């Protein structure tokens, strides 16, 4: 007689598990710390500067073999020699010092404005209504487009150059800091508020660490745009600085000195980027991506 109840073995039988695709798993498995260190050590001996150094070596070799004309691009050794000659006659040092002073003053002013307005707009809704629209408009205006207006307003003195550099640094600083503050995980804020954390402690213990990565991104862009502002300021109505050196070299068809000015601009940008990378290693040690290898 049939009872209508399936045997226990039939009830507990489960479908066969799908085969595991080990090949796909191995493909997407991230290398451990030792493997990452070995890749950086052997494949990229100079880190992010491996490719630029390789280009310089190829450039020098091409110049020595006559593949690259001196009128188009002098050899790196010729550019270095041009810098040595200008330094010995007392022209490169003062121009470099003046450019560094300009970019330092403009960067300090731009960061002060960008950080203060970014914090106010990020923490207060009324601050967002006051500053965000203006900064978004300013973000679409190129530096070279605003330069004639600054000359009309402030003349061709140092103030115009410093304000142009500050304009280039303040806008990206504000945008990134505002986005970083508003991008802090809302659940962390709610947990802190539920725990009875007061506002100042909430800002210093939750908002500041959460917004710090975005702040450093903004700092990197601010440093880069301050150098661009320096280039724009010194190529027009300048009587000193690296831009003046480049314009004078163009007048006398000294291609090596033109390249020298460009190389100095590039070195300033690389040093600024290295400064931000150092700050990231020091301030973001708590993030897994910034662990020491």
C-alpha atoms as a PDB file:
ATOM      1  CA  UNK A   1       0.000   0.000   0.000  1.00  0.00           C
ATOM      2  CA  UNK A   2       1.309   3.418  -0.895  1.00  0.00           C
ATOM      3  CA  UNK A   3       1.325   6.009   1.896  1.00  0.00           C
ATOM      4  CA  UNK A   4       1.866   8.995  -0.367  1.00  0.00           C
ATOM      5  CA  UNK A   5       4.990  10.029   1.566  1.00  0.00           C
ATOM      6  CA  UNK A   6       8.292  10.135  -0.294  1.00  0.00           C
ATOM      7  CA  UNK A   7      11.205   8.236   1.262  1.00  0.00           C
ATOM      8  CA  UNK A   8      13.492  10.214   3.496  1.00  0.00           C
ATOM      9  CA  UNK A   9      16.439   9.749   1.128  1.00  0.00           C
ATOM     10  CA  UNK A  10      14.400  11.189  -1.732  1.00  0.00           C
ATOM     11  CA  UNK A  11      13.336  14.189   0.349  1.00  0.00           C
ATOM     12  CA  UNK A  12      16.847  15.072   1.401  1.00  0.00           C
ATOM     13  CA  UNK A  13      18.441  14.640  -1.982  1.00  0.00           C
ATOM     14  CA  UNK A  14      19.930  17.936  -3.165  1.00  0.00           C
ATOM     15  CA  UNK A  15      20.886  18.914  -6.696  1.00  0.00           C
ATOM     16  CA  UNK A  16      24.517  18.475  -7.575  1.00  0.00           C
ATOM     17  CA  UNK A  17      26.632  21.544  -6.951  1.00  0.00           C
ATOM     18  CA  UNK A  18      27.831  23.408  -9.980  1.00  0.00           C
ATOM     19  CA  UNK A  19      31.496  22.898 -10.750  1.00  0.00           C
ATOM     20  CA  UNK A  20      33.763  25.617  -9.421  1.00  0.00           C
ATOM     21  CA  UNK A  21      35.542  27.617 -12.089  1.00  0.00           C
ATOM     22  CA  UNK A  22      38.938  27.790 -10.511  1.00  0.00           C
ATOM     23  CA  UNK A  23      40.472  29.450 -13.548  1.00  0.00           C
ATOM     24  CA  UNK A  24      38.222  32.522 -13.249  1.00  0.00           C
ATOM     25  CA  UNK A  25      38.863  32.701  -9.528  1.00  0.00           C
ATOM     26  CA  UNK A  26      42.595  32.620 -10.055  1.00  0.00           C
ATOM     27  CA  UNK A  27      42.347  35.328 -12.700  1.00  0.00           C
ATOM     28  CA  UNK A  28      40.724  37.861 -10.399  1.00  0.00           C
ATOM     29  CA  UNK A  29      42.626  36.999  -7.228  1.00  0.00           C
ATOM     30  CA  UNK A  30      44.577  40.046  -6.080  1.00  0.00           C
ATOM     31  CA  UNK A  31      48.286  39.433  -5.420  1.00  0.00           C
ATOM     32  CA  UNK A  32      49.404  39.484  -1.838  1.00  0.00           C
ATOM     33  CA  UNK A  33      51.681  42.146  -0.401  1.00  0.00           C
ATOM     34  CA  UNK A  34      54.900  40.280  -1.216  1.00  0.00           C
ATOM     35  CA  UNK A  35      53.853  39.818  -4.853  1.00  0.00           C
ATOM     36  CA  UNK A  36      52.927  43.501  -5.180  1.00  0.00           C
ATOM     37  CA  UNK A  37      56.278  44.499  -3.725  1.00  0.00           C
ATOM     38  CA  UNK A  38      58.155  42.251  -6.140  1.00  0.00           C
ATOM     39  CA  UNK A  39      56.228  43.680  -9.091  1.00  0.00           C
ATOM     40  CA  UNK A  40      57.080  47.231  -8.062  1.00  0.00           C
ATOM     41  CA  UNK A  41      60.716  46.318  -7.400  1.00  0.00           C
ATOM     42  CA  UNK A  42      61.477  44.548 -10.662  1.00  0.00           C
ATOM     43  CA  UNK A  43      58.994  45.897 -13.224  1.00  0.00           C
ATOM     44  CA  UNK A  44      59.065  49.568 -12.130  1.00  0.00           C
ATOM     45  CA  UNK A  45      62.449  50.320 -10.550  1.00  0.00           C
ATOM     46  CA  UNK A  46      61.724  54.075 -10.317  1.00  0.00           C
ATOM     47  CA  UNK A  47      58.014  53.828  -9.606  1.00  0.00           C
ATOM     48  CA  UNK A  48      55.915  56.400 -11.431  1.00  0.00           C
ATOM     49  CA  UNK A  49      59.082  58.071 -12.716  1.00  0.00           C
ATOM     50  CA  UNK A  50      60.235  55.005 -14.661  1.00  0.00           C
ATOM     51  CA  UNK A  51      58.533  56.053 -17.905  1.00  0.00           C
ATOM     52  CA  UNK A  52      59.685  59.726 -17.789  1.00  0.00           C
ATOM     53  CA  UNK A  53      63.282  58.624 -17.154  1.00  0.00           C
ATOM     54  CA  UNK A  54      63.054  56.101 -19.982  1.00  0.00           C
ATOM     55  CA  UNK A  55      61.800  58.857 -22.295  1.00  0.00           C
ATOM     56  CA  UNK A  56      64.732  61.083 -21.285  1.00  0.00           C
ATOM     57  CA  UNK A  57      67.199  58.281 -21.996  1.00  0.00           C
ATOM     58  CA  UNK A  58      65.631  57.591 -25.402  1.00  0.00           C
ATOM     59  CA  UNK A  59      65.609  61.329 -26.107  1.00  0.00           C
ATOM     60  CA  UNK A  60      69.311  61.623 -25.293  1.00  0.00           C
ATOM     61  CA  UNK A  61      70.188  58.577 -27.389  1.00  0.00           C
ATOM     62  CA  UNK A  62      68.136  59.864 -30.323  1.00  0.00           C
ATOM     63  CA  UNK A  63      69.885  63.228 -30.118  1.00  0.00           C
ATOM     64  CA  UNK A  64      73.316  61.612 -30.007  1.00  0.00           C
ATOM     65  CA  UNK A  65      72.495  59.508 -33.074  1.00  0.00           C
ATOM     66  CA  UNK A  66      71.107  62.494 -34.975  1.00  0.00           C
ATOM     67  CA  UNK A  67      67.527  61.247 -35.055  1.00  0.00           C
ATOM     68  CA  UNK A  68      66.226  64.332 -33.212  1.00  0.00           C
ATOM     69  CA  UNK A  69      67.181  67.743 -34.575  1.00  0.00           C
ATOM     70  CA  UNK A  70      68.555  70.313 -32.130  1.00  0.00           C
ATOM     71  CA  UNK A  71      66.229  72.945 -33.589  1.00  0.00           C
ATOM     72  CA  UNK A  72      63.217  70.823 -32.705  1.00  0.00           C
ATOM     73  CA  UNK A  73      64.281  69.398 -29.343  1.00  0.00           C
ATOM     74  CA  UNK A  74      67.785  69.868 -27.924  1.00  0.00           C
ATOM     75  CA  UNK A  75      69.323  66.961 -26.055  1.00  0.00           C
ATOM     76  CA  UNK A  76      68.634  66.783 -22.303  1.00  0.00           C
ATOM     77  CA  UNK A  77      72.329  67.402 -21.646  1.00  0.00           C
ATOM     78  CA  UNK A  78      72.152  70.590 -23.736  1.00  0.00           C
ATOM     79  CA  UNK A  79      69.156  71.755 -21.709  1.00  0.00           C
ATOM     80  CA  UNK A  80      71.019  71.112 -18.468  1.00  0.00           C
ATOM     81  CA  UNK A  81      74.030  72.991 -19.810  1.00  0.00           C
ATOM     82  CA  UNK A  82      71.790  75.944 -20.709  1.00  0.00           C
ATOM     83  CA  UNK A  83      70.567  76.000 -17.114  1.00  0.00           C
ATOM     84  CA  UNK A  84      74.120  75.911 -15.788  1.00  0.00           C
ATOM     85  CA  UNK A  85      75.129  78.786 -18.065  1.00  0.00           C
ATOM     86  CA  UNK A  86      72.150  80.933 -17.033  1.00  0.00           C
ATOM     87  CA  UNK A  87      72.815  80.194 -13.369  1.00  0.00           C
ATOM     88  CA  UNK A  88      76.464  81.168 -13.651  1.00  0.00           C
ATOM     89  CA  UNK A  89      75.669  84.535 -15.238  1.00  0.00           C
ATOM     90  CA  UNK A  90      73.078  85.250 -12.553  1.00  0.00           C
ATOM     91  CA  UNK A  91      69.869  85.101 -14.617  1.00  0.00           C
ATOM     92  CA  UNK A  92      68.240  81.781 -13.698  1.00  0.00           C
ATOM     93  CA  UNK A  93      68.402  82.158  -9.907  1.00  0.00           C
ATOM     94  CA  UNK A  94      66.486  85.456  -9.578  1.00  0.00           C
ATOM     95  CA  UNK A  95      63.852  84.422 -12.150  1.00  0.00           C
ATOM     96  CA  UNK A  96      63.286  81.091 -10.406  1.00  0.00           C
ATOM     97  CA  UNK A  97      63.032  82.761  -6.998  1.00  0.00           C
ATOM     98  CA  UNK A  98      60.465  85.283  -8.242  1.00  0.00           C
ATOM     99  CA  UNK A  99      58.342  82.529  -9.805  1.00  0.00           C
ATOM    100  CA  UNK A 100      58.421  80.491  -6.592  1.00  0.00           C
ATOM    101  CA  UNK A 101      57.385  83.562  -4.585  1.00  0.00           C
ATOM    102  CA  UNK A 102      54.468  84.192  -6.915  1.00  0.00           C
ATOM    103  CA  UNK A 103      53.218  80.619  -6.852  1.00  0.00           C
ATOM    104  CA  UNK A 104      53.678  80.444  -3.064  1.00  0.00           C
ATOM    105  CA  UNK A 105      51.631  83.589  -2.393  1.00  0.00           C
ATOM    106  CA  UNK A 106      48.950  82.671  -4.917  1.00  0.00           C
ATOM    107  CA  UNK A 107      48.695  79.110  -3.631  1.00  0.00           C
ATOM    108  CA  UNK A 108      48.416  80.239  -0.009  1.00  0.00           C
ATOM    109  CA  UNK A 109      45.656  82.716  -0.876  1.00  0.00           C
ATOM    110  CA  UNK A 110      43.819  80.231  -3.083  1.00  0.00           C
ATOM    111  CA  UNK A 111      43.933  77.453  -0.500  1.00  0.00           C
ATOM    112  CA  UNK A 112      42.725  79.805   2.237  1.00  0.00           C
ATOM    113  CA  UNK A 113      39.721  80.847   0.159  1.00  0.00           C
ATOM    114  CA  UNK A 114      38.991  77.368  -1.204  1.00  0.00           C
ATOM    115  CA  UNK A 115      39.231  75.577   2.144  1.00  0.00           C
ATOM    116  CA  UNK A 116      37.195  78.126   4.099  1.00  0.00           C
ATOM    117  CA  UNK A 117      34.378  78.347   1.560  1.00  0.00           C
ATOM    118  CA  UNK A 118      34.436  74.577   0.960  1.00  0.00           C
ATOM    119  CA  UNK A 119      34.043  73.848   4.676  1.00  0.00           C
ATOM    120  CA  UNK A 120      31.218  76.364   5.086  1.00  0.00           C
ATOM    121  CA  UNK A 121      29.393  75.061   2.010  1.00  0.00           C
ATOM    122  CA  UNK A 122      29.940  71.439   3.026  1.00  0.00           C
ATOM    123  CA  UNK A 123      28.661  71.867   6.572  1.00  0.00           C
ATOM    124  CA  UNK A 124      25.873  74.401   6.021  1.00  0.00           C
ATOM    125  CA  UNK A 125      23.101  74.340   3.455  1.00  0.00           C
ATOM    126  CA  UNK A 126      23.056  78.129   3.364  1.00  0.00           C
ATOM    127  CA  UNK A 127      26.802  78.088   2.605  1.00  0.00           C
ATOM    128  CA  UNK A 128      26.130  75.838  -0.366  1.00  0.00           C
ATOM    129  CA  UNK A 129      23.525  78.281  -1.690  1.00  0.00           C
ATOM    130  CA  UNK A 130      25.953  81.188  -1.324  1.00  0.00           C
ATOM    131  CA  UNK A 131      29.131  79.696  -2.804  1.00  0.00           C
ATOM    132  CA  UNK A 132      28.329  76.675  -4.937  1.00  0.00           C
ATOM    133  CA  UNK A 133      26.735  78.486  -7.860  1.00  0.00           C
ATOM    134  CA  UNK A 134      29.514  81.056  -8.062  1.00  0.00           C
ATOM    135  CA  UNK A 135      32.260  78.440  -7.956  1.00  0.00           C
ATOM    136  CA  UNK A 136      30.567  76.286 -10.584  1.00  0.00           C
ATOM    137  CA  UNK A 137      30.473  79.321 -12.876  1.00  0.00           C
ATOM    138  CA  UNK A 138      34.111  80.131 -12.132  1.00  0.00           C
ATOM    139  CA  UNK A 139      35.057  76.527 -12.866  1.00  0.00           C
ATOM    140  CA  UNK A 140      34.000  76.963 -16.499  1.00  0.00           C
ATOM    141  CA  UNK A 141      36.099  80.098 -17.078  1.00  0.00           C
ATOM    142  CA  UNK A 142      39.632  79.416 -18.393  1.00  0.00           C
ATOM    143  CA  UNK A 143      42.542  81.175 -16.734  1.00  0.00           C
ATOM    144  CA  UNK A 144      43.614  82.868 -19.956  1.00  0.00           C
ATOM    145  CA  UNK A 145      40.078  84.217 -20.433  1.00  0.00           C
ATOM    146  CA  UNK A 146      40.035  85.953 -17.060  1.00  0.00           C
ATOM    147  CA  UNK A 147      43.552  87.350 -17.391  1.00  0.00           C
ATOM    148  CA  UNK A 148      42.586  90.424 -19.543  1.00  0.00           C
ATOM    149  CA  UNK A 149      39.883  91.339 -17.044  1.00  0.00           C
ATOM    150  CA  UNK A 150      42.324  91.132 -14.135  1.00  0.00           C
ATOM    151  CA  UNK A 151      44.762  93.353 -16.020  1.00  0.00           C
ATOM    152  CA  UNK A 152      42.006  95.947 -16.490  1.00  0.00           C
ATOM    153  CA  UNK A 153      41.061  95.778 -12.813  1.00  0.00           C
ATOM    154  CA  UNK A 154      44.469  95.481 -11.121  1.00  0.00           C
ATOM    155  CA  UNK A 155      47.022  96.479 -13.771  1.00  0.00           C
ATOM    156  CA  UNK A 156      50.076  94.484 -14.768  1.00  0.00           C
ATOM    157  CA  UNK A 157      51.785  94.439 -11.384  1.00  0.00           C
ATOM    158  CA  UNK A 158      52.423  91.452  -9.129  1.00  0.00           C
ATOM    159  CA  UNK A 159      48.907  91.550  -7.691  1.00  0.00           C
ATOM    160  CA  UNK A 160      47.385  90.381 -10.973  1.00  0.00           C
ATOM    161  CA  UNK A 161      49.761  87.429 -11.206  1.00  0.00           C
ATOM    162  CA  UNK A 162      49.158  86.370  -7.601  1.00  0.00           C
ATOM    163  CA  UNK A 163      45.370  86.648  -7.974  1.00  0.00           C
ATOM    164  CA  UNK A 164      45.415  84.591 -11.161  1.00  0.00           C
ATOM    165  CA  UNK A 165      47.355  81.820  -9.426  1.00  0.00           C
ATOM    166  CA  UNK A 166      44.997  82.015  -6.438  1.00  0.00           C
ATOM    167  CA  UNK A 167      41.993  81.736  -8.764  1.00  0.00           C
ATOM    168  CA  UNK A 168      43.445  78.593 -10.318  1.00  0.00           C
ATOM    169  CA  UNK A 169      44.065  76.996  -6.911  1.00  0.00           C
ATOM    170  CA  UNK A 170      40.861  77.986  -5.084  1.00  0.00           C
ATOM    171  CA  UNK A 171      38.314  76.510  -7.501  1.00  0.00           C
ATOM    172  CA  UNK A 172      39.477  72.847  -7.503  1.00  0.00           C
ATOM    173  CA  UNK A 173      40.134  73.016  -3.765  1.00  0.00           C
ATOM    174  CA  UNK A 174      36.561  74.129  -3.091  1.00  0.00           C
ATOM    175  CA  UNK A 175      34.958  71.598  -5.435  1.00  0.00           C
ATOM    176  CA  UNK A 176      36.821  68.593  -4.072  1.00  0.00           C
ATOM    177  CA  UNK A 177      36.493  69.574  -0.425  1.00  0.00           C
ATOM    178  CA  UNK A 178      32.773  70.295  -0.770  1.00  0.00           C
ATOM    179  CA  UNK A 179      32.208  66.922  -2.448  1.00  0.00           C
ATOM    180  CA  UNK A 180      34.342  65.162   0.177  1.00  0.00           C
ATOM    181  CA  UNK A 181      32.406  66.597   3.124  1.00  0.00           C
ATOM    182  CA  UNK A 182      29.043  65.834   1.559  1.00  0.00           C
ATOM    183  CA  UNK A 183      30.276  62.358   0.599  1.00  0.00           C
ATOM    184  CA  UNK A 184      31.002  61.212   4.167  1.00  0.00           C
ATOM    185  CA  UNK A 185      28.961  58.102   4.965  1.00  0.00           C
ATOM    186  CA  UNK A 186      25.683  59.253   6.485  1.00  0.00           C
ATOM    187  CA  UNK A 187      25.460  56.113   8.609  1.00  0.00           C
ATOM    188  CA  UNK A 188      28.637  57.078  10.458  1.00  0.00           C
ATOM    189  CA  UNK A 189      27.170  60.490  11.211  1.00  0.00           C
ATOM    190  CA  UNK A 190      23.920  58.961  12.456  1.00  0.00           C
ATOM    191  CA  UNK A 191      25.779  56.462  14.650  1.00  0.00           C
ATOM    192  CA  UNK A 192      27.832  59.251  16.203  1.00  0.00           C
ATOM    193  CA  UNK A 193      24.736  61.340  16.830  1.00  0.00           C
ATOM    194  CA  UNK A 194      22.954  58.349  18.365  1.00  0.00           C
ATOM    195  CA  UNK A 195      25.923  57.862  20.681  1.00  0.00           C
ATOM    196  CA  UNK A 196      25.509  61.423  21.930  1.00  0.00           C
ATOM    197  CA  UNK A 197      28.580  62.884  20.221  1.00  0.00           C
ATOM    198  CA  UNK A 198      28.493  66.665  20.210  1.00  0.00           C
ATOM    199  CA  UNK A 199      28.891  68.734  17.065  1.00  0.00           C
ATOM    200  CA  UNK A 200      32.545  69.722  17.439  1.00  0.00           C
ATOM    201  CA  UNK A 201      33.593  66.163  18.212  1.00  0.00           C
ATOM    202  CA  UNK A 202      31.461  64.957  15.299  1.00  0.00           C
ATOM    203  CA  UNK A 203      33.302  67.286  12.970  1.00  0.00           C
ATOM    204  CA  UNK A 204      36.791  66.432  14.232  1.00  0.00           C
ATOM    205  CA  UNK A 205      36.325  62.670  14.663  1.00  0.00           C
ATOM    206  CA  UNK A 206      33.957  61.796  11.799  1.00  0.00           C
ATOM    207  CA  UNK A 207      33.775  64.490   9.134  1.00  0.00           C
ATOM    208  CA  UNK A 208      37.458  65.454   9.041  1.00  0.00           C
ATOM    209  CA  UNK A 209      38.822  61.883   8.678  1.00  0.00           C
ATOM    210  CA  UNK A 210      36.082  61.034   6.191  1.00  0.00           C
ATOM    211  CA  UNK A 211      36.757  64.105   4.043  1.00  0.00           C
ATOM    212  CA  UNK A 212      40.552  63.926   4.260  1.00  0.00           C
ATOM    213  CA  UNK A 213      41.067  61.810   1.095  1.00  0.00           C
ATOM    214  CA  UNK A 214      38.957  64.239  -0.942  1.00  0.00           C
ATOM    215  CA  UNK A 215      40.836  67.166   0.583  1.00  0.00           C
ATOM    216  CA  UNK A 216      44.157  65.698  -0.584  1.00  0.00           C
ATOM    217  CA  UNK A 217      42.749  65.188  -4.067  1.00  0.00           C
ATOM    218  CA  UNK A 218      41.733  68.839  -4.081  1.00  0.00           C
ATOM    219  CA  UNK A 219      45.191  69.809  -2.862  1.00  0.00           C
ATOM    220  CA  UNK A 220      46.792  67.893  -5.725  1.00  0.00           C
ATOM    221  CA  UNK A 221      44.591  69.687  -8.275  1.00  0.00           C
ATOM    222  CA  UNK A 222      45.172  73.045  -6.575  1.00  0.00           C
ATOM    223  CA  UNK A 223      48.939  72.626  -6.806  1.00  0.00           C
ATOM    224  CA  UNK A 224      48.718  71.648 -10.462  1.00  0.00           C
ATOM    225  CA  UNK A 225      46.413  74.529 -11.376  1.00  0.00           C
ATOM    226  CA  UNK A 226      48.567  76.992  -9.468  1.00  0.00           C
ATOM    227  CA  UNK A 227      51.472  76.061 -11.746  1.00  0.00           C
ATOM    228  CA  UNK A 228      49.204  76.538 -14.764  1.00  0.00           C
ATOM    229  CA  UNK A 229      48.203  79.925 -13.385  1.00  0.00           C
ATOM    230  CA  UNK A 230      51.867  80.790 -12.978  1.00  0.00           C
ATOM    231  CA  UNK A 231      52.514  79.913 -16.623  1.00  0.00           C
ATOM    232  CA  UNK A 232      49.570  82.030 -17.775  1.00  0.00           C
ATOM    233  CA  UNK A 233      50.553  84.976 -15.564  1.00  0.00           C
ATOM    234  CA  UNK A 234      54.206  85.039 -16.575  1.00  0.00           C
ATOM    235  CA  UNK A 235      53.795  84.743 -20.325  1.00  0.00           C
ATOM    236  CA  UNK A 236      51.967  88.074 -20.593  1.00  0.00           C
ATOM    237  CA  UNK A 237      53.413  91.449 -19.494  1.00  0.00           C
ATOM    238  CA  UNK A 238      56.101  89.846 -17.328  1.00  0.00           C
ATOM    239  CA  UNK A 239      59.522  91.437 -16.768  1.00  0.00           C
ATOM    240  CA  UNK A 240      60.877  88.660 -14.554  1.00  0.00           C
ATOM    241  CA  UNK A 241      60.264  85.026 -13.748  1.00  0.00           C
ATOM    242  CA  UNK A 242      60.393  81.802 -15.715  1.00  0.00           C
ATOM    243  CA  UNK A 243      57.811  83.033 -18.201  1.00  0.00           C
ATOM    244  CA  UNK A 244      59.935  86.067 -18.951  1.00  0.00           C
ATOM    245  CA  UNK A 245      62.933  83.753 -19.421  1.00  0.00           C
ATOM    246  CA  UNK A 246      60.975  81.678 -21.949  1.00  0.00           C
ATOM    247  CA  UNK A 247      59.764  84.738 -23.872  1.00  0.00           C
ATOM    248  CA  UNK A 248      63.272  86.146 -24.015  1.00  0.00           C
ATOM    249  CA  UNK A 249      64.634  82.799 -25.241  1.00  0.00           C
ATOM    250  CA  UNK A 250      61.944  82.722 -27.935  1.00  0.00           C
ATOM    251  CA  UNK A 251      63.029  86.168 -29.124  1.00  0.00           C
ATOM    252  CA  UNK A 252      66.635  85.019 -29.542  1.00  0.00           C
ATOM    253  CA  UNK A 253      65.644  81.571 -30.907  1.00  0.00           C
ATOM    254  CA  UNK A 254      67.238  79.776 -27.951  1.00  0.00           C
ATOM    255  CA  UNK A 255      65.277  76.533 -28.030  1.00  0.00           C
ATOM    256  CA  UNK A 256      67.389  75.043 -25.261  1.00  0.00           C
ATOM    257  CA  UNK A 257      66.402  77.835 -22.874  1.00  0.00           C
ATOM    258  CA  UNK A 258      62.733  77.478 -23.830  1.00  0.00           C
ATOM    259  CA  UNK A 259      62.918  73.787 -22.961  1.00  0.00           C
ATOM    260  CA  UNK A 260      64.735  74.691 -19.765  1.00  0.00           C
ATOM    261  CA  UNK A 261      61.804  76.828 -18.612  1.00  0.00           C
ATOM    262  CA  UNK A 262      59.342  74.061 -19.474  1.00  0.00           C
ATOM    263  CA  UNK A 263      61.426  71.501 -17.613  1.00  0.00           C
ATOM    264  CA  UNK A 264      61.525  73.714 -14.522  1.00  0.00           C
ATOM    265  CA  UNK A 265      57.734  74.070 -14.633  1.00  0.00           C
ATOM    266  CA  UNK A 266      57.466  70.280 -14.914  1.00  0.00           C
ATOM    267  CA  UNK A 267      59.844  69.727 -12.002  1.00  0.00           C
ATOM    268  CA  UNK A 268      57.828  72.113  -9.825  1.00  0.00           C
ATOM    269  CA  UNK A 269      54.699  70.131 -10.675  1.00  0.00           C
ATOM    270  CA  UNK A 270      56.393  66.811  -9.881  1.00  0.00           C
ATOM    271  CA  UNK A 271      57.656  68.113  -6.545  1.00  0.00           C
ATOM    272  CA  UNK A 272      54.157  69.321  -5.677  1.00  0.00           C
ATOM    273  CA  UNK A 273      52.719  65.908  -6.538  1.00  0.00           C
ATOM    274  CA  UNK A 274      55.379  64.194  -4.440  1.00  0.00           C
ATOM    275  CA  UNK A 275      54.476  66.450  -1.520  1.00  0.00           C
ATOM    276  CA  UNK A 276      50.845  65.337  -1.717  1.00  0.00           C
ATOM    277  CA  UNK A 277      51.898  61.687  -1.955  1.00  0.00           C
ATOM    278  CA  UNK A 278      53.952  62.101   1.206  1.00  0.00           C
ATOM    279  CA  UNK A 279      50.981  63.653   3.001  1.00  0.00           C
ATOM    280  CA  UNK A 280      48.825  60.740   1.853  1.00  0.00           C
ATOM    281  CA  UNK A 281      51.248  58.211   3.314  1.00  0.00           C
ATOM    282  CA  UNK A 282      51.364  60.078   6.622  1.00  0.00           C
ATOM    283  CA  UNK A 283      47.692  61.058   7.026  1.00  0.00           C
ATOM    284  CA  UNK A 284      45.974  58.067   5.415  1.00  0.00           C
ATOM    285  CA  UNK A 285      47.813  55.201   7.075  1.00  0.00           C
ATOM    286  CA  UNK A 286      44.481  53.880   8.332  1.00  0.00           C
ATOM    287  CA  UNK A 287      43.345  53.147   4.758  1.00  0.00           C
ATOM    288  CA  UNK A 288      44.283  49.707   3.339  1.00  0.00           C
ATOM    289  CA  UNK A 289      45.347  51.199  -0.003  1.00  0.00           C
ATOM    290  CA  UNK A 290      48.001  53.294   1.778  1.00  0.00           C
ATOM    291  CA  UNK A 291      49.543  50.526   3.823  1.00  0.00           C
ATOM    292  CA  UNK A 292      53.278  50.384   3.798  1.00  0.00           C
ATOM    293  CA  UNK A 293      54.506  47.582   1.537  1.00  0.00           C
END
